[in-house]
Amino acid sequence: MKTVEIRLSTIADVRDFVNIVSATDIDVDLSSGRYIVDGKSIMGIFSLDLLSPIKLTAHADDTDELFAALDKFIIK
């Protein structure tokens, strides 16, 4: 399991993010405050506070390829 913070600033960012995580078998959760949603759910993501950083948790041991694809969203 690996956790990072991401930012999804636009509708296009949300769409691109969902397309990337949906193409993998890794379970991805997003959390903002006390709310946790499935990272593959576009409606769930829009229920979060997108103005603040979002915590992404990938539930797998080998997440390198996924995080490489999501690099533009990760807050460094």
N, C-alpha and C. Protein backbone atom coordinates (compact mmCIF):
# COMPACT_ATOMS: atom_id res chain seq x y z
N MET A 1 0.85 -1.17 0.00
CA MET A 1 0.00 0.00 0.00
C MET A 1 0.89 1.23 0.00
N LYS A 2 0.53 2.21 -0.81
CA LYS A 2 1.29 3.46 -0.90
C LYS A 2 0.31 4.62 -0.93
N THR A 3 0.68 5.70 -0.23
CA THR A 3 -0.18 6.88 -0.14
C THR A 3 0.59 8.13 -0.56
N VAL A 4 -0.05 8.96 -1.40
CA VAL A 4 0.52 10.25 -1.81
C VAL A 4 -0.61 11.27 -1.85
N GLU A 5 -0.26 12.55 -1.94
CA GLU A 5 -1.26 13.60 -2.11
C GLU A 5 -1.28 14.03 -3.57
N ILE A 6 -2.49 14.25 -4.09
CA ILE A 6 -2.66 14.66 -5.48
C ILE A 6 -3.52 15.91 -5.54
N ARG A 7 -3.51 16.54 -6.69
CA ARG A 7 -4.39 17.67 -6.96
C ARG A 7 -5.06 17.45 -8.31
N LEU A 8 -6.39 17.56 -8.31
CA LEU A 8 -7.20 17.46 -9.52
C LEU A 8 -7.89 18.81 -9.69
N SER A 9 -7.32 19.68 -10.52
CA SER A 9 -7.77 21.07 -10.60
C SER A 9 -8.91 21.31 -11.58
N THR A 10 -9.00 20.49 -12.61
CA THR A 10 -10.00 20.73 -13.65
C THR A 10 -10.82 19.47 -13.92
N ILE A 11 -11.89 19.66 -14.66
CA ILE A 11 -12.72 18.52 -15.07
C ILE A 11 -11.91 17.58 -15.93
N ALA A 12 -11.06 18.12 -16.79
CA ALA A 12 -10.20 17.29 -17.65
C ALA A 12 -9.23 16.48 -16.80
N ASP A 13 -8.71 17.06 -15.72
CA ASP A 13 -7.82 16.32 -14.81
C ASP A 13 -8.55 15.13 -14.21
N VAL A 14 -9.78 15.33 -13.77
CA VAL A 14 -10.57 14.24 -13.17
C VAL A 14 -10.80 13.15 -14.20
N ARG A 15 -11.18 13.54 -15.40
CA ARG A 15 -11.42 12.56 -16.48
C ARG A 15 -10.15 11.76 -16.78
N ASP A 16 -9.01 12.45 -16.93
CA ASP A 16 -7.76 11.78 -17.24
C ASP A 16 -7.34 10.85 -16.10
N PHE A 17 -7.51 11.31 -14.86
CA PHE A 17 -7.17 10.50 -13.68
C PHE A 17 -8.00 9.21 -13.67
N VAL A 18 -9.30 9.32 -13.86
CA VAL A 18 -10.18 8.14 -13.85
C VAL A 18 -9.81 7.18 -14.98
N ASN A 19 -9.48 7.71 -16.15
CA ASN A 19 -9.08 6.85 -17.26
C ASN A 19 -7.81 6.06 -16.93
N ILE A 20 -6.86 6.70 -16.26
CA ILE A 20 -5.61 6.03 -15.91
C ILE A 20 -5.85 4.94 -14.86
N VAL A 21 -6.55 5.28 -13.77
CA VAL A 21 -6.73 4.29 -12.70
C VAL A 21 -7.70 3.18 -13.10
N SER A 22 -8.61 3.46 -14.01
CA SER A 22 -9.55 2.42 -14.46
C SER A 22 -8.86 1.38 -15.33
N ALA A 23 -7.73 1.73 -15.92
CA ALA A 23 -7.00 0.81 -16.78
C ALA A 23 -6.15 -0.18 -16.00
N THR A 24 -6.15 -0.09 -14.68
CA THR A 24 -5.34 -0.97 -13.84
C THR A 24 -6.24 -1.78 -12.91
N ASP A 25 -5.70 -2.89 -12.40
CA ASP A 25 -6.45 -3.72 -11.46
C ASP A 25 -6.25 -3.30 -10.02
N ILE A 26 -5.42 -2.28 -9.79
CA ILE A 26 -5.11 -1.82 -8.43
C ILE A 26 -6.30 -1.05 -7.86
N ASP A 27 -6.68 -1.37 -6.63
CA ASP A 27 -7.73 -0.63 -5.94
C ASP A 27 -7.17 0.70 -5.47
N VAL A 28 -7.87 1.80 -5.81
CA VAL A 28 -7.41 3.15 -5.47
C VAL A 28 -8.52 3.84 -4.70
N ASP A 29 -8.17 4.36 -3.52
CA ASP A 29 -9.10 5.15 -2.73
C ASP A 29 -8.62 6.59 -2.69
N LEU A 30 -9.56 7.52 -2.70
CA LEU A 30 -9.25 8.94 -2.54
C LEU A 30 -9.95 9.42 -1.28
N SER A 31 -9.25 10.23 -0.49
CA SER A 31 -9.88 10.74 0.72
C SER A 31 -9.61 12.24 0.85
N SER A 32 -10.63 12.91 1.33
CA SER A 32 -10.57 14.35 1.60
C SER A 32 -11.34 14.56 2.89
N GLY A 33 -10.61 14.96 3.94
CA GLY A 33 -11.26 15.07 5.24
C GLY A 33 -11.67 13.70 5.71
N ARG A 34 -12.94 13.55 6.06
CA ARG A 34 -13.41 12.24 6.54
C ARG A 34 -14.11 11.43 5.46
N TYR A 35 -14.11 11.93 4.23
CA TYR A 35 -14.76 11.22 3.13
C TYR A 35 -13.75 10.39 2.34
N ILE A 36 -14.13 9.16 2.05
CA ILE A 36 -13.31 8.25 1.25
C ILE A 36 -14.16 7.73 0.10
N VAL A 37 -13.62 7.84 -1.13
CA VAL A 37 -14.35 7.37 -2.31
C VAL A 37 -13.45 6.47 -3.15
N ASP A 38 -14.05 5.68 -4.01
CA ASP A 38 -13.33 4.84 -4.96
C ASP A 38 -12.70 5.75 -6.01
N GLY A 39 -11.40 5.59 -6.25
CA GLY A 39 -10.69 6.42 -7.23
C GLY A 39 -11.12 6.19 -8.66
N LYS A 40 -11.87 5.13 -8.91
CA LYS A 40 -12.35 4.83 -10.26
C LYS A 40 -13.75 5.39 -10.51
N SER A 41 -14.30 6.07 -9.52
CA SER A 41 -15.66 6.62 -9.61
C SER A 41 -15.62 8.13 -9.87
N ILE A 42 -15.97 8.52 -11.08
CA ILE A 42 -15.93 9.94 -11.42
C ILE A 42 -16.93 10.73 -10.57
N MET A 43 -18.08 10.15 -10.30
CA MET A 43 -19.07 10.83 -9.46
C MET A 43 -18.57 10.95 -8.02
N GLY A 44 -17.91 9.92 -7.53
CA GLY A 44 -17.35 9.97 -6.19
C GLY A 44 -16.29 11.06 -6.07
N ILE A 45 -15.45 11.19 -7.07
CA ILE A 45 -14.40 12.20 -7.04
C ILE A 45 -15.00 13.60 -7.01
N PHE A 46 -16.06 13.82 -7.78
CA PHE A 46 -16.69 15.14 -7.78
C PHE A 46 -17.39 15.46 -6.48
N SER A 47 -17.59 14.47 -5.62
CA SER A 47 -18.18 14.75 -4.30
C SER A 47 -17.14 15.23 -3.30
N LEU A 48 -15.85 15.15 -3.66
CA LEU A 48 -14.78 15.60 -2.77
C LEU A 48 -14.50 17.09 -2.95
N ASP A 49 -13.79 17.67 -2.00
CA ASP A 49 -13.35 19.06 -2.09
C ASP A 49 -12.12 19.10 -2.99
N LEU A 50 -12.30 19.47 -4.25
CA LEU A 50 -11.21 19.46 -5.22
C LEU A 50 -10.31 20.69 -5.10
N LEU A 51 -10.66 21.64 -4.26
CA LEU A 51 -9.81 22.81 -4.05
C LEU A 51 -8.65 22.51 -3.11
N SER A 52 -8.76 21.44 -2.34
CA SER A 52 -7.72 21.03 -1.40
C SER A 52 -7.00 19.80 -1.95
N PRO A 53 -5.78 19.55 -1.46
CA PRO A 53 -5.11 18.31 -1.86
C PRO A 53 -5.92 17.09 -1.43
N ILE A 54 -5.85 16.04 -2.22
CA ILE A 54 -6.58 14.80 -1.98
C ILE A 54 -5.57 13.70 -1.71
N LYS A 55 -5.85 12.87 -0.72
CA LYS A 55 -4.96 11.76 -0.40
C LYS A 55 -5.35 10.55 -1.25
N LEU A 56 -4.38 10.02 -2.01
CA LEU A 56 -4.57 8.84 -2.84
C LEU A 56 -3.89 7.66 -2.16
N THR A 57 -4.63 6.57 -1.99
CA THR A 57 -4.07 5.35 -1.43
C THR A 57 -4.26 4.23 -2.44
N ALA A 58 -3.14 3.65 -2.87
CA ALA A 58 -3.17 2.52 -3.81
C ALA A 58 -2.92 1.26 -3.00
N HIS A 59 -3.83 0.30 -3.11
CA HIS A 59 -3.78 -0.93 -2.32
C HIS A 59 -3.12 -2.06 -3.12
N ALA A 60 -1.79 -1.97 -3.25
CA ALA A 60 -1.02 -2.99 -3.94
C ALA A 60 0.44 -2.84 -3.55
N ASP A 61 1.22 -3.88 -3.78
CA ASP A 61 2.64 -3.83 -3.47
C ASP A 61 3.44 -3.16 -4.58
N ASP A 62 3.08 -3.45 -5.84
CA ASP A 62 3.81 -2.90 -6.98
C ASP A 62 3.00 -1.77 -7.62
N THR A 63 3.26 -0.54 -7.18
CA THR A 63 2.50 0.61 -7.66
C THR A 63 3.34 1.55 -8.52
N ASP A 64 4.58 1.16 -8.83
CA ASP A 64 5.49 2.06 -9.56
C ASP A 64 4.93 2.51 -10.90
N GLU A 65 4.38 1.58 -11.66
CA GLU A 65 3.84 1.91 -12.99
C GLU A 65 2.64 2.86 -12.87
N LEU A 66 1.77 2.61 -11.91
CA LEU A 66 0.60 3.47 -11.70
C LEU A 66 1.03 4.88 -11.32
N PHE A 67 1.96 4.99 -10.37
CA PHE A 67 2.38 6.32 -9.92
C PHE A 67 3.18 7.05 -10.99
N ALA A 68 3.85 6.34 -11.87
CA ALA A 68 4.52 6.98 -13.00
C ALA A 68 3.49 7.60 -13.95
N ALA A 69 2.40 6.89 -14.17
CA ALA A 69 1.34 7.40 -15.05
C ALA A 69 0.60 8.58 -14.42
N LEU A 70 0.54 8.62 -13.08
CA LEU A 70 -0.17 9.68 -12.36
C LEU A 70 0.74 10.83 -11.94
N ASP A 71 1.97 10.84 -12.42
CA ASP A 71 2.98 11.80 -11.95
C ASP A 71 2.53 13.25 -12.04
N LYS A 72 1.79 13.63 -13.09
CA LYS A 72 1.41 15.04 -13.25
C LYS A 72 0.39 15.50 -12.19
N PHE A 73 -0.26 14.55 -11.52
CA PHE A 73 -1.24 14.90 -10.48
C PHE A 73 -0.64 14.91 -9.08
N ILE A 74 0.52 14.27 -8.89
CA ILE A 74 1.10 14.11 -7.57
C ILE A 74 1.75 15.41 -7.11
N ILE A 75 1.44 15.81 -5.87
CA ILE A 75 2.03 17.01 -5.27
C ILE A 75 3.39 16.62 -4.71
N LYS A 76 4.42 17.33 -5.14
CA LYS A 76 5.78 16.99 -4.71
C LYS A 76 6.32 18.01 -3.74
